[in-house]
C-alpha atoms as a PDB file:
ATOM      1  CA  MET A   1      53.817  62.599 157.044  1.00  0.00           C
ATOM      2  CA  THR A   2      52.589  65.724 155.289  1.00  0.00           C
ATOM      3  CA  ASP A   3      51.714  69.133 156.669  1.00  0.00           C
ATOM      4  CA  ALA A   4      48.268  70.529 155.926  1.00  0.00           C
ATOM      5  CA  ALA A   5      48.456  73.287 153.336  1.00  0.00           C
ATOM      6  CA  GLU A   6      47.232  76.702 154.260  1.00  0.00           C
ATOM      7  CA  PRO A   7      44.654  78.520 152.091  1.00  0.00           C
ATOM      8  CA  GLY A   8      46.411  80.195 149.120  1.00  0.00           C
ATOM      9  CA  ASP A   9      49.412  77.767 149.172  1.00  0.00           C
ATOM     10  CA  GLY A  10      50.379  76.363 145.917  1.00  0.00           C
ATOM     11  CA  PRO A  11      52.181  73.091 145.154  1.00  0.00           C
ATOM     12  CA  SER A  12      55.574  74.680 145.757  1.00  0.00           C
ATOM     13  CA  GLY A  13      54.821  76.297 149.078  1.00  0.00           C
ATOM     14  CA  PRO A  14      53.229  79.425 150.454  1.00  0.00           C
ATOM     15  CA  ALA A  15      51.773  82.083 148.194  1.00  0.00           C
ATOM     16  CA  PRO A  16      54.454  84.531 146.932  1.00  0.00           C
ATOM     17  CA  ASP A  17      52.963  87.477 148.887  1.00  0.00           C
ATOM     18  CA  ARG A  18      53.660  86.032 152.318  1.00  0.00           C
ATOM     19  CA  PRO A  19      56.673  84.375 153.967  1.00  0.00           C
ATOM     20  CA  ALA A  20      56.760  80.664 154.690  1.00  0.00           C
ATOM     21  CA  PRO A  21      55.308  79.705 158.073  1.00  0.00           C
ATOM     22  CA  HIS A  22      57.878  80.146 160.864  1.00  0.00           C
ATOM     23  CA  SER A  23      60.302  81.971 158.656  1.00  0.00           C
ATOM     24  CA  PRO A  24      61.843  85.113 160.054  1.00  0.00           C
ATOM     25  CA  GLY A  25      61.370  87.060 156.815  1.00  0.00           C
ATOM     26  CA  PRO A  26      64.042  89.112 155.086  1.00  0.00           C
ATOM     27  CA  ALA A  27      67.121  89.989 157.165  1.00  0.00           C
ATOM     28  CA  GLY A  28      66.571  93.242 159.050  1.00  0.00           C
ATOM     29  CA  ALA A  29      62.879  93.431 158.254  1.00  0.00           C
ATOM     30  CA  ALA A  30      60.956  95.309 160.928  1.00  0.00           C
ATOM     31  CA  GLY A  31      57.390  94.521 161.873  1.00  0.00           C
ATOM     32  CA  PRO A  32      54.468  96.475 160.450  1.00  0.00           C
ATOM     33  CA  ALA A  33      54.402  98.942 163.395  1.00  0.00           C
ATOM     34  CA  LEU A  34      58.068  99.856 162.862  1.00  0.00           C
ATOM     35  CA  ASP A  35      57.724 100.302 159.055  1.00  0.00           C
ATOM     36  CA  ARG A  36      55.892 103.619 159.356  1.00  0.00           C
ATOM     37  CA  PRO A  37      57.616 106.622 157.901  1.00  0.00           C
ATOM     38  CA  ALA A  38      59.432 108.839 160.346  1.00  0.00           C
ATOM     39  CA  LEU A  39      56.900 111.600 159.661  1.00  0.00           C
ATOM     40  CA  ASP A  40      54.251 109.615 161.524  1.00  0.00           C
ATOM     41  CA  ARG A  41      56.300 109.706 164.723  1.00  0.00           C
ATOM     42  CA  PRO A  42      56.119 112.827 166.980  1.00  0.00           C
ATOM     43  CA  THR A  43      59.280 114.702 167.191  1.00  0.00           C
ATOM     44  CA  ARG A  44      60.707 115.702 170.524  1.00  0.00           C
ATOM     45  CA  PRO A  45      62.480 118.952 171.192  1.00  0.00           C
ATOM     46  CA  ARG A  46      66.146 118.690 171.908  1.00  0.00           C
ATOM     47  CA  PRO A  47      66.889 118.529 175.612  1.00  0.00           C
ATOM     48  CA  ILE A  48      68.695 121.514 177.033  1.00  0.00           C
ATOM     49  CA  ALA A  49      71.295 121.676 179.789  1.00  0.00           C
ATOM     50  CA  VAL A  50      72.387 124.960 181.362  1.00  0.00           C
ATOM     51  CA  TYR A  51      75.627 125.196 183.175  1.00  0.00           C
ATOM     52  CA  THR A  52      76.194 128.000 185.745  1.00  0.00           C
ATOM     53  CA  ASP A  53      79.093 129.799 187.422  1.00  0.00           C
ATOM     54  CA  LYS A  54      82.158 128.027 186.087  1.00  0.00           C
ATOM     55  CA  ASP A  55      84.695 126.963 188.745  1.00  0.00           C
ATOM     56  CA  PRO A  56      88.210 127.796 187.561  1.00  0.00           C
ATOM     57  CA  MET A  57      89.345 124.276 188.618  1.00  0.00           C
ATOM     58  CA  LEU A  58      86.612 122.531 186.634  1.00  0.00           C
ATOM     59  CA  ASP A  59      86.768 122.025 182.864  1.00  0.00           C
ATOM     60  CA  LEU A  60      83.176 121.811 181.576  1.00  0.00           C
ATOM     61  CA  ALA A  61      84.186 120.967 177.980  1.00  0.00           C
ATOM     62  CA  PRO A  62      84.172 117.163 178.360  1.00  0.00           C
ATOM     63  CA  ALA A  63      80.696 117.218 179.994  1.00  0.00           C
ATOM     64  CA  ARG A  64      79.279 119.525 177.411  1.00  0.00           C
ATOM     65  CA  ALA A  65      80.779 117.484 174.588  1.00  0.00           C
ATOM     66  CA  LEU A  66      79.187 114.322 175.927  1.00  0.00           C
ATOM     67  CA  LEU A  67      75.746 115.902 176.162  1.00  0.00           C
ATOM     68  CA  GLU A  68      76.081 117.517 172.737  1.00  0.00           C
ATOM     69  CA  ALA A  69      77.098 114.237 171.188  1.00  0.00           C
ATOM     70  CA  ALA A  70      73.903 112.731 172.638  1.00  0.00           C
ATOM     71  CA  GLY A  71      71.794 115.432 170.949  1.00  0.00           C
ATOM     72  CA  TRP A  72      71.558 117.862 173.820  1.00  0.00           C
ATOM     73  CA  GLU A  73      71.822 121.691 173.442  1.00  0.00           C
ATOM     74  CA  THR A  74      74.127 123.133 176.112  1.00  0.00           C
ATOM     75  CA  ARG A  75      74.248 126.665 177.413  1.00  0.00           C
ATOM     76  CA  PHE A  76      76.518 128.509 179.878  1.00  0.00           C
ATOM     77  CA  VAL A  77      75.498 131.388 182.133  1.00  0.00           C
ATOM     78  CA  ASP A  78      78.429 132.743 184.112  1.00  0.00           C
ATOM     79  CA  SER A  79      76.456 133.880 187.144  1.00  0.00           C
ATOM     80  CA  THR A  80      75.419 132.952 190.651  1.00  0.00           C
ATOM     81  CA  ASP A  81      72.539 135.425 190.607  1.00  0.00           C
ATOM     82  CA  PRO A  82      69.337 133.379 191.055  1.00  0.00           C
ATOM     83  CA  ALA A  83      67.386 135.618 188.657  1.00  0.00           C
ATOM     84  CA  ALA A  84      69.984 135.139 185.921  1.00  0.00           C
ATOM     85  CA  VAL A  85      70.132 131.363 186.415  1.00  0.00           C
ATOM     86  CA  LEU A  86      66.296 131.143 186.431  1.00  0.00           C
ATOM     87  CA  GLU A  87      66.069 133.102 183.185  1.00  0.00           C
ATOM     88  CA  ALA A  88      68.783 131.034 181.468  1.00  0.00           C
ATOM     89  CA  GLY A  89      67.217 127.756 182.685  1.00  0.00           C
ATOM     90  CA  ARG A  90      63.591 128.573 182.149  1.00  0.00           C
ATOM     91  CA  ASP A  91      63.171 126.135 179.212  1.00  0.00           C
ATOM     92  CA  ALA A  92      66.014 123.765 180.303  1.00  0.00           C
ATOM     93  CA  THR A  93      65.738 120.029 180.930  1.00  0.00           C
ATOM     94  CA  ALA A  94      68.611 120.180 183.347  1.00  0.00           C
ATOM     95  CA  VAL A  95      70.464 122.972 185.215  1.00  0.00           C
ATOM     96  CA  CYS A  96      73.969 121.994 186.205  1.00  0.00           C
ATOM     97  CA  VAL A  97      75.085 124.308 188.952  1.00  0.00           C
ATOM     98  CA  GLY A  98      78.431 125.141 190.520  1.00  0.00           C
ATOM     99  CA  TYR A  99      77.825 127.399 193.449  1.00  0.00           C
ATOM    100  CA  ALA A 100      74.708 129.219 192.263  1.00  0.00           C
ATOM    101  CA  PRO A 101      71.769 128.891 194.683  1.00  0.00           C
ATOM    102  CA  LEU A 102      68.495 127.677 193.257  1.00  0.00           C
ATOM    103  CA  ASP A 103      65.565 128.735 195.249  1.00  0.00           C
ATOM    104  CA  ARG A 104      62.690 128.054 192.899  1.00  0.00           C
END
């Protein structure tokens, strides 16, 4: 039993410019939509986390290190004043509070 040849196929198989039918292609090859240069993709700003009023019993270094390793920018404002917290967190993705009241 023989398979029907596709247009452009030669006697030794598919045309050189396309993979054989049902073949996965080269290892690690991405589909056409994923082959676009990175410049075509919109860039996102880094997320920002703001920590407030440090508790003396709480070490924020591990939490900040985890976020920074994941690409976050972290900031610290040592205040419970709502105006200071609001100003520090105005452009933040997350505000991580200790005892500071957030009323807005």
